[in-house]
Amino acid sequence: MRYAFQTKDRLQEFIQMEIITTAEATTLLSCSRQYLDELVNKGKLIPVKSVNRVRLYWKDDILALNKK
């Protein structure tokens, strides 16, 4: 996918709506951080970005896992 944003505000709005943190993901999935890490290690979930212990995820990927 390719995205183009006309303004910084539009980009920030997109990020706030579509990207979530590990804490938000664990809340949506009602699971522990350890389980989320396990999903990542098994390749069932791929973070958008990882820096140290901070991971960001696509909200749609988390919602799709929640439906399974």
PDB file of N, CA and C in Angstrom:
ATOM      1  N   MET A   1       0.832  -1.187   0.000  1.00  0.00           N
ATOM      2  CA  MET A   1       0.000   0.000   0.000  1.00  0.00           C
ATOM      3  C   MET A   1       0.870   1.240   0.000  1.00  0.00           C
ATOM      4  N   ARG A   2       0.357   2.242  -0.607  1.00  0.00           N
ATOM      5  CA  ARG A   2       1.062   3.510  -0.626  1.00  0.00           C
ATOM      6  C   ARG A   2       0.108   4.594  -0.128  1.00  0.00           C
ATOM      7  N   TYR A   3       0.594   5.384   0.788  1.00  0.00           N
ATOM      8  CA  TYR A   3      -0.216   6.451   1.359  1.00  0.00           C
ATOM      9  C   TYR A   3       0.430   7.792   1.061  1.00  0.00           C
ATOM     10  N   ALA A   4      -0.391   8.791   0.869  1.00  0.00           N
ATOM     11  CA  ALA A   4       0.105  10.153   0.676  1.00  0.00           C
ATOM     12  C   ALA A   4      -0.729  11.072   1.563  1.00  0.00           C
ATOM     13  N   PHE A   5      -0.050  11.895   2.307  1.00  0.00           N
ATOM     14  CA  PHE A   5      -0.729  12.791   3.234  1.00  0.00           C
ATOM     15  C   PHE A   5      -0.404  14.230   2.854  1.00  0.00           C
ATOM     16  N   GLN A   6      -1.429  15.040   2.772  1.00  0.00           N
ATOM     17  CA  GLN A   6      -1.255  16.426   2.364  1.00  0.00           C
ATOM     18  C   GLN A   6      -0.689  17.306   3.477  1.00  0.00           C
ATOM     19  N   THR A   7      -0.980  16.914   4.705  1.00  0.00           N
ATOM     20  CA  THR A   7      -0.503  17.707   5.838  1.00  0.00           C
ATOM     21  C   THR A   7      -0.004  16.795   6.950  1.00  0.00           C
ATOM     22  N   LYS A   8       0.765  17.369   7.832  1.00  0.00           N
ATOM     23  CA  LYS A   8       1.257  16.642   8.998  1.00  0.00           C
ATOM     24  C   LYS A   8       0.090  16.220   9.887  1.00  0.00           C
ATOM     25  N   ASP A   9      -0.924  17.073   9.969  1.00  0.00           N
ATOM     26  CA  ASP A   9      -2.103  16.752  10.785  1.00  0.00           C
ATOM     27  C   ASP A   9      -2.809  15.506  10.274  1.00  0.00           C
ATOM     28  N   ARG A  10      -2.911  15.372   8.953  1.00  0.00           N
ATOM     29  CA  ARG A  10      -3.542  14.186   8.366  1.00  0.00           C
ATOM     30  C   ARG A  10      -2.741  12.925   8.699  1.00  0.00           C
ATOM     31  N   LEU A  11      -1.431  13.044   8.640  1.00  0.00           N
ATOM     32  CA  LEU A  11      -0.565  11.922   8.984  1.00  0.00           C
ATOM     33  C   LEU A  11      -0.751  11.540  10.446  1.00  0.00           C
ATOM     34  N   GLN A  12      -0.774  12.506  11.332  1.00  0.00           N
ATOM     35  CA  GLN A  12      -0.961  12.229  12.753  1.00  0.00           C
ATOM     36  C   GLN A  12      -2.318  11.576  13.010  1.00  0.00           C
ATOM     37  N   GLU A  13      -3.335  12.048  12.333  1.00  0.00           N
ATOM     38  CA  GLU A  13      -4.670  11.468  12.476  1.00  0.00           C
ATOM     39  C   GLU A  13      -4.668  10.007  12.016  1.00  0.00           C
ATOM     40  N   PHE A  14      -4.021   9.735  10.903  1.00  0.00           N
ATOM     41  CA  PHE A  14      -3.921   8.370  10.386  1.00  0.00           C
ATOM     42  C   PHE A  14      -3.218   7.466  11.403  1.00  0.00           C
ATOM     43  N   ILE A  15      -2.097   7.907  11.920  1.00  0.00           N
ATOM     44  CA  ILE A  15      -1.335   7.117  12.886  1.00  0.00           C
ATOM     45  C   ILE A  15      -2.175   6.838  14.129  1.00  0.00           C
ATOM     46  N   GLN A  16      -2.871   7.843  14.623  1.00  0.00           N
ATOM     47  CA  GLN A  16      -3.683   7.666  15.826  1.00  0.00           C
ATOM     48  C   GLN A  16      -4.830   6.684  15.613  1.00  0.00           C
ATOM     49  N   MET A  17      -5.347   6.609  14.378  1.00  0.00           N
ATOM     50  CA  MET A  17      -6.473   5.734  14.088  1.00  0.00           C
ATOM     51  C   MET A  17      -6.045   4.312  13.697  1.00  0.00           C
ATOM     52  N   GLU A  18      -4.876   4.157  13.096  1.00  0.00           N
ATOM     53  CA  GLU A  18      -4.500   2.883  12.492  1.00  0.00           C
ATOM     54  C   GLU A  18      -3.355   2.133  13.174  1.00  0.00           C
ATOM     55  N   ILE A  19      -2.574   2.798  13.986  1.00  0.00           N
ATOM     56  CA  ILE A  19      -1.415   2.189  14.634  1.00  0.00           C
ATOM     57  C   ILE A  19      -1.662   2.140  16.138  1.00  0.00           C
ATOM     58  N   ILE A  20      -1.378   0.978  16.741  1.00  0.00           N
ATOM     59  CA  ILE A  20      -1.584   0.863  18.186  1.00  0.00           C
ATOM     60  C   ILE A  20      -0.337   0.313  18.869  1.00  0.00           C
ATOM     61  N   THR A  21      -0.254   0.567  20.152  1.00  0.00           N
ATOM     62  CA  THR A  21       0.873   0.114  20.969  1.00  0.00           C
ATOM     63  C   THR A  21       0.623  -1.296  21.492  1.00  0.00           C
ATOM     64  N   THR A  22       1.631  -1.856  22.097  1.00  0.00           N
ATOM     65  CA  THR A  22       1.502  -3.173  22.714  1.00  0.00           C
ATOM     66  C   THR A  22       0.418  -3.152  23.795  1.00  0.00           C
ATOM     67  N   ALA A  23       0.401  -2.116  24.605  1.00  0.00           N
ATOM     68  CA  ALA A  23      -0.598  -2.023  25.675  1.00  0.00           C
ATOM     69  C   ALA A  23      -2.011  -2.000  25.098  1.00  0.00           C
ATOM     70  N   GLU A  24      -2.216  -1.241  24.029  1.00  0.00           N
ATOM     71  CA  GLU A  24      -3.537  -1.188  23.398  1.00  0.00           C
ATOM     72  C   GLU A  24      -3.894  -2.540  22.781  1.00  0.00           C
ATOM     73  N   ALA A  25      -2.908  -3.196  22.179  1.00  0.00           N
ATOM     74  CA  ALA A  25      -3.142  -4.507  21.561  1.00  0.00           C
ATOM     75  C   ALA A  25      -3.539  -5.541  22.612  1.00  0.00           C
ATOM     76  N   THR A  26      -2.840  -5.542  23.740  1.00  0.00           N
ATOM     77  CA  THR A  26      -3.173  -6.514  24.789  1.00  0.00           C
ATOM     78  C   THR A  26      -4.576  -6.263  25.340  1.00  0.00           C
ATOM     79  N   THR A  27      -4.973  -5.015  25.396  1.00  0.00           N
ATOM     80  CA  THR A  27      -6.326  -4.689  25.858  1.00  0.00           C
ATOM     81  C   THR A  27      -7.370  -5.186  24.857  1.00  0.00           C
ATOM     82  N   LEU A  28      -7.143  -4.929  23.567  1.00  0.00           N
ATOM     83  CA  LEU A  28      -8.100  -5.369  22.543  1.00  0.00           C
ATOM     84  C   LEU A  28      -8.209  -6.888  22.476  1.00  0.00           C
ATOM     85  N   LEU A  29      -7.088  -7.577  22.674  1.00  0.00           N
ATOM     86  CA  LEU A  29      -7.083  -9.036  22.600  1.00  0.00           C
ATOM     87  C   LEU A  29      -7.375  -9.705  23.944  1.00  0.00           C
ATOM     88  N   SER A  30      -7.409  -8.921  24.997  1.00  0.00           N
ATOM     89  CA  SER A  30      -7.573  -9.458  26.353  1.00  0.00           C
ATOM     90  C   SER A  30      -6.525 -10.542  26.616  1.00  0.00           C
ATOM     91  N   CYS A  31      -5.271 -10.183  26.355  1.00  0.00           N
ATOM     92  CA  CYS A  31      -4.186 -11.148  26.553  1.00  0.00           C
ATOM     93  C   CYS A  31      -3.011 -10.451  27.242  1.00  0.00           C
ATOM     94  N   SER A  32      -2.011 -11.244  27.562  1.00  0.00           N
ATOM     95  CA  SER A  32      -0.826 -10.693  28.212  1.00  0.00           C
ATOM     96  C   SER A  32       0.191 -10.227  27.173  1.00  0.00           C
ATOM     97  N   ARG A  33       1.128  -9.444  27.627  1.00  0.00           N
ATOM     98  CA  ARG A  33       2.226  -8.994  26.762  1.00  0.00           C
ATOM     99  C   ARG A  33       3.061 -10.203  26.306  1.00  0.00           C
ATOM    100  N   GLN A  34       3.210 -11.171  27.191  1.00  0.00           N
ATOM    101  CA  GLN A  34       3.976 -12.368  26.860  1.00  0.00           C
ATOM    102  C   GLN A  34       3.333 -13.138  25.702  1.00  0.00           C
ATOM    103  N   TYR A  35       2.004 -13.231  25.710  1.00  0.00           N
ATOM    104  CA  TYR A  35       1.305 -13.918  24.628  1.00  0.00           C
ATOM    105  C   TYR A  35       1.481 -13.161  23.313  1.00  0.00           C
ATOM    106  N   LEU A  36       1.418 -11.854  23.375  1.00  0.00           N
ATOM    107  CA  LEU A  36       1.628 -11.035  22.180  1.00  0.00           C
ATOM    108  C   LEU A  36       3.044 -11.243  21.647  1.00  0.00           C
ATOM    109  N   ASP A  37       4.019 -11.284  22.538  1.00  0.00           N
ATOM    110  CA  ASP A  37       5.401 -11.557  22.129  1.00  0.00           C
ATOM    111  C   ASP A  37       5.518 -12.931  21.474  1.00  0.00           C
ATOM    112  N   GLU A  38       4.783 -13.897  22.009  1.00  0.00           N
ATOM    113  CA  GLU A  38       4.788 -15.247  21.447  1.00  0.00           C
ATOM    114  C   GLU A  38       4.233 -15.243  20.015  1.00  0.00           C
ATOM    115  N   LEU A  39       3.156 -14.491  19.793  1.00  0.00           N
ATOM    116  CA  LEU A  39       2.590 -14.383  18.449  1.00  0.00           C
ATOM    117  C   LEU A  39       3.601 -13.777  17.471  1.00  0.00           C
ATOM    118  N   VAL A  40       4.339 -12.783  17.946  1.00  0.00           N
ATOM    119  CA  VAL A  40       5.364 -12.156  17.108  1.00  0.00           C
ATOM    120  C   VAL A  40       6.485 -13.154  16.812  1.00  0.00           C
ATOM    121  N   ASN A  41       6.950 -13.862  17.827  1.00  0.00           N
ATOM    122  CA  ASN A  41       8.033 -14.829  17.661  1.00  0.00           C
ATOM    123  C   ASN A  41       7.657 -15.971  16.710  1.00  0.00           C
ATOM    124  N   LYS A  42       6.377 -16.341  16.699  1.00  0.00           N
ATOM    125  CA  LYS A  42       5.908 -17.412  15.822  1.00  0.00           C
ATOM    126  C   LYS A  42       5.579 -16.905  14.418  1.00  0.00           C
ATOM    127  N   GLY A  43       5.651 -15.582  14.222  1.00  0.00           N
ATOM    128  CA  GLY A  43       5.369 -15.011  12.909  1.00  0.00           C
ATOM    129  C   GLY A  43       3.893 -14.828  12.609  1.00  0.00           C
ATOM    130  N   LYS A  44       3.049 -14.971  13.620  1.00  0.00           N
ATOM    131  CA  LYS A  44       1.611 -14.800  13.428  1.00  0.00           C
ATOM    132  C   LYS A  44       1.190 -13.330  13.490  1.00  0.00           C
ATOM    133  N   LEU A  45       2.078 -12.493  13.974  1.00  0.00           N
ATOM    134  CA  LEU A  45       1.832 -11.062  14.073  1.00  0.00           C
ATOM    135  C   LEU A  45       3.140 -10.343  13.797  1.00  0.00           C
ATOM    136  N   ILE A  46       3.085  -9.373  12.912  1.00  0.00           N
ATOM    137  CA  ILE A  46       4.292  -8.645  12.551  1.00  0.00           C
ATOM    138  C   ILE A  46       4.129  -7.182  12.955  1.00  0.00           C
ATOM    139  N   PRO A  47       5.001  -6.700  13.829  1.00  0.00           N
ATOM    140  CA  PRO A  47       4.911  -5.304  14.246  1.00  0.00           C
ATOM    141  C   PRO A  47       5.239  -4.358  13.082  1.00  0.00           C
ATOM    142  N   VAL A  48       4.640  -3.186  13.112  1.00  0.00           N
ATOM    143  CA  VAL A  48       4.969  -2.146  12.137  1.00  0.00           C
ATOM    144  C   VAL A  48       6.387  -1.661  12.407  1.00  0.00           C
ATOM    145  N   LYS A  49       6.694  -1.499  13.693  1.00  0.00           N
ATOM    146  CA  LYS A  49       8.011  -1.025  14.092  1.00  0.00           C
ATOM    147  C   LYS A  49       8.334  -1.537  15.486  1.00  0.00           C
ATOM    148  N   SER A  50       9.597  -1.884  15.689  1.00  0.00           N
ATOM    149  CA  SER A  50      10.080  -2.310  17.000  1.00  0.00           C
ATOM    150  C   SER A  50      11.311  -1.495  17.363  1.00  0.00           C
ATOM    151  N   VAL A  51      11.287  -0.903  18.548  1.00  0.00           N
ATOM    152  CA  VAL A  51      12.437  -0.177  19.075  1.00  0.00           C
ATOM    153  C   VAL A  51      12.572  -0.575  20.531  1.00  0.00           C
ATOM    154  N   ASN A  52      13.684  -1.254  20.837  1.00  0.00           N
ATOM    155  CA  ASN A  52      13.887  -1.803  22.181  1.00  0.00           C
ATOM    156  C   ASN A  52      12.699  -2.683  22.540  1.00  0.00           C
ATOM    157  N   ARG A  53      11.987  -2.352  23.581  1.00  0.00           N
ATOM    158  CA  ARG A  53      10.828  -3.155  23.996  1.00  0.00           C
ATOM    159  C   ARG A  53       9.511  -2.573  23.505  1.00  0.00           C
ATOM    160  N   VAL A  54       9.557  -1.517  22.745  1.00  0.00           N
ATOM    161  CA  VAL A  54       8.345  -0.875  22.243  1.00  0.00           C
ATOM    162  C   VAL A  54       8.031  -1.404  20.852  1.00  0.00           C
ATOM    163  N   ARG A  55       6.811  -1.873  20.677  1.00  0.00           N
ATOM    164  CA  ARG A  55       6.359  -2.355  19.371  1.00  0.00           C
ATOM    165  C   ARG A  55       5.066  -1.657  19.001  1.00  0.00           C
ATOM    166  N   LEU A  56       4.940  -1.356  17.719  1.00  0.00           N
ATOM    167  CA  LEU A  56       3.719  -0.766  17.185  1.00  0.00           C
ATOM    168  C   LEU A  56       3.113  -1.742  16.197  1.00  0.00           C
ATOM    169  N   TYR A  57       1.777  -1.807  16.180  1.00  0.00           N
ATOM    170  CA  TYR A  57       1.059  -2.765  15.339  1.00  0.00           C
ATOM    171  C   TYR A  57      -0.023  -2.068  14.533  1.00  0.00           C
ATOM    172  N   TRP A  58      -0.364  -2.678  13.370  1.00  0.00           N
ATOM    173  CA  TRP A  58      -1.536  -2.228  12.636  1.00  0.00           C
ATOM    174  C   TRP A  58      -2.766  -2.631  13.435  1.00  0.00           C
ATOM    175  N   LYS A  59      -3.673  -1.716  13.644  1.00  0.00           N
ATOM    176  CA  LYS A  59      -4.894  -1.999  14.388  1.00  0.00           C
ATOM    177  C   LYS A  59      -5.699  -3.105  13.697  1.00  0.00           C
ATOM    178  N   ASP A  60      -5.752  -3.086  12.362  1.00  0.00           N
ATOM    179  CA  ASP A  60      -6.497  -4.108  11.624  1.00  0.00           C
ATOM    180  C   ASP A  60      -5.942  -5.512  11.867  1.00  0.00           C
ATOM    181  N   ASP A  61      -4.621  -5.643  11.998  1.00  0.00           N
ATOM    182  CA  ASP A  61      -4.017  -6.950  12.271  1.00  0.00           C
ATOM    183  C   ASP A  61      -4.463  -7.480  13.637  1.00  0.00           C
ATOM    184  N   ILE A  62      -4.523  -6.603  14.603  1.00  0.00           N
ATOM    185  CA  ILE A  62      -4.952  -7.001  15.955  1.00  0.00           C
ATOM    186  C   ILE A  62      -6.428  -7.372  15.942  1.00  0.00           C
ATOM    187  N   LEU A  63      -7.244  -6.582  15.262  1.00  0.00           N
ATOM    188  CA  LEU A  63      -8.681  -6.886  15.190  1.00  0.00           C
ATOM    189  C   LEU A  63      -8.925  -8.206  14.463  1.00  0.00           C
ATOM    190  N   ALA A  64      -8.124  -8.498  13.442  1.00  0.00           N
ATOM    191  CA  ALA A  64      -8.250  -9.772  12.730  1.00  0.00           C
ATOM    192  C   ALA A  64      -7.909 -10.946  13.641  1.00  0.00           C
ATOM    193  N   LEU A  65      -6.898 -10.786  14.476  1.00  0.00           N
ATOM    194  CA  LEU A  65      -6.543 -11.836  15.448  1.00  0.00           C
ATOM    195  C   LEU A  65      -7.682 -12.034  16.458  1.00  0.00           C
ATOM    196  N   ASN A  66      -8.320 -10.940  16.808  1.00  0.00           N
ATOM    197  CA  ASN A  66      -9.394 -10.993  17.798  1.00  0.00           C
ATOM    198  C   ASN A  66     -10.587 -11.792  17.278  1.00  0.00           C
ATOM    199  N   LYS A  67     -10.788 -11.804  15.958  1.00  0.00           N
ATOM    200  CA  LYS A  67     -11.909 -12.539  15.367  1.00  0.00           C
ATOM    201  C   LYS A  67     -11.664 -14.034  15.311  1.00  0.00           C
ATOM    202  N   LYS A  68     -10.384 -14.451  15.393  1.00  0.00           N
ATOM    203  CA  LYS A  68     -10.051 -15.886  15.298  1.00  0.00           C
ATOM    204  C   LYS A  68     -10.368 -16.623  16.570  1.00  0.00           C
TER     205      LYS A  68
END
